[in-house]
Amino acid sequence: MKLSARNQLKGVVKAVEDGLITSKVIIDLGGGNEIISIISKQSIKELDLKPGKEAYAIIKSTEVLVGIDD
């Protein structure tokens, strides 16, 4: 995965909390640090995000995106 964003934080999905249209993804970055992102349920499905899966919190401007290795 190559991105222009410089702030890419690798971690492990700790939890996915479903909402009506969007869901909260909590990523454990290690050392007691977590980051939370609100993304669409469709994105969670496409990325197959679930607890225990490695993922990246990608910070660009005011948004936090979530990515995975192919």
Protein backbone atom coordinates (compact mmCIF):
# COMPACT_ATOMS: atom_id res chain seq x y z
CA MET A 1 0.00 0.00 0.00
CA LYS A 2 1.45 3.36 -1.02
CA LEU A 3 -0.18 6.60 0.07
CA SER A 4 0.83 10.24 0.11
CA ALA A 5 -0.24 10.58 3.75
CA ARG A 6 2.78 10.59 6.05
CA ASN A 7 0.93 9.73 9.26
CA GLN A 8 0.27 5.99 8.96
CA LEU A 9 -0.20 4.23 12.28
CA LYS A 10 -0.18 0.42 12.17
CA GLY A 11 -2.21 -1.41 14.75
CA VAL A 12 -4.76 -4.12 15.41
CA VAL A 13 -8.53 -3.71 15.30
CA LYS A 14 -9.73 -3.91 18.88
CA ALA A 15 -13.44 -3.48 18.22
CA VAL A 16 -16.02 -2.55 15.61
CA GLU A 17 -19.12 -0.92 17.09
CA ASP A 18 -21.97 -0.97 14.57
CA GLY A 19 -24.17 2.04 14.03
CA LEU A 20 -27.08 2.59 11.69
CA ILE A 21 -25.09 3.86 8.68
CA THR A 22 -21.57 4.27 10.05
CA SER A 23 -19.59 2.30 12.59
CA LYS A 24 -16.83 3.04 15.06
CA VAL A 25 -13.53 1.23 14.52
CA ILE A 26 -11.15 1.14 17.48
CA ILE A 27 -7.54 0.39 16.56
CA ASP A 28 -5.04 -0.60 19.25
CA LEU A 29 -1.69 1.00 18.42
CA GLY A 30 0.16 -0.68 21.28
CA GLY A 31 1.57 0.80 24.46
CA GLY A 32 -1.94 1.56 25.71
CA ASN A 33 -2.67 3.83 22.74
CA GLU A 34 -5.85 3.59 20.69
CA ILE A 35 -7.34 5.58 17.86
CA ILE A 36 -10.98 5.65 16.81
CA SER A 37 -12.35 6.20 13.33
CA ILE A 38 -15.96 6.52 12.20
CA ILE A 39 -16.33 4.95 8.75
CA SER A 40 -19.16 3.58 6.62
CA LYS A 41 -20.48 0.10 7.22
CA GLN A 42 -19.78 -0.60 3.54
CA SER A 43 -16.07 0.22 4.06
CA ILE A 44 -15.93 -2.09 7.08
CA LYS A 45 -17.42 -4.87 4.96
CA GLU A 46 -15.07 -4.24 2.00
CA LEU A 47 -12.00 -4.15 4.27
CA ASP A 48 -13.31 -7.14 6.26
CA LEU A 49 -12.49 -5.31 9.48
CA LYS A 50 -12.92 -7.35 12.64
CA PRO A 51 -11.17 -7.65 15.99
CA GLY A 52 -7.65 -9.04 15.72
CA LYS A 53 -7.05 -7.91 12.12
CA GLU A 54 -4.06 -5.67 11.40
CA ALA A 55 -5.03 -2.26 10.01
CA TYR A 56 -3.61 1.22 9.54
CA ALA A 57 -4.99 4.48 10.87
CA ILE A 58 -4.07 6.97 8.16
CA ILE A 59 -4.30 10.59 9.23
CA LYS A 60 -4.68 13.22 6.56
CA SER A 61 -5.82 16.71 7.53
CA THR A 62 -8.87 16.35 9.79
CA GLU A 63 -9.78 12.81 8.76
CA VAL A 64 -8.61 9.38 9.90
CA LEU A 65 -8.78 6.76 7.17
CA VAL A 66 -8.37 3.01 7.70
CA GLY A 67 -6.33 0.82 5.35
CA ILE A 68 -5.14 -2.77 5.17
CA ASP A 69 -2.41 -4.62 3.30
CA ASP A 70 -3.62 -6.37 0.15
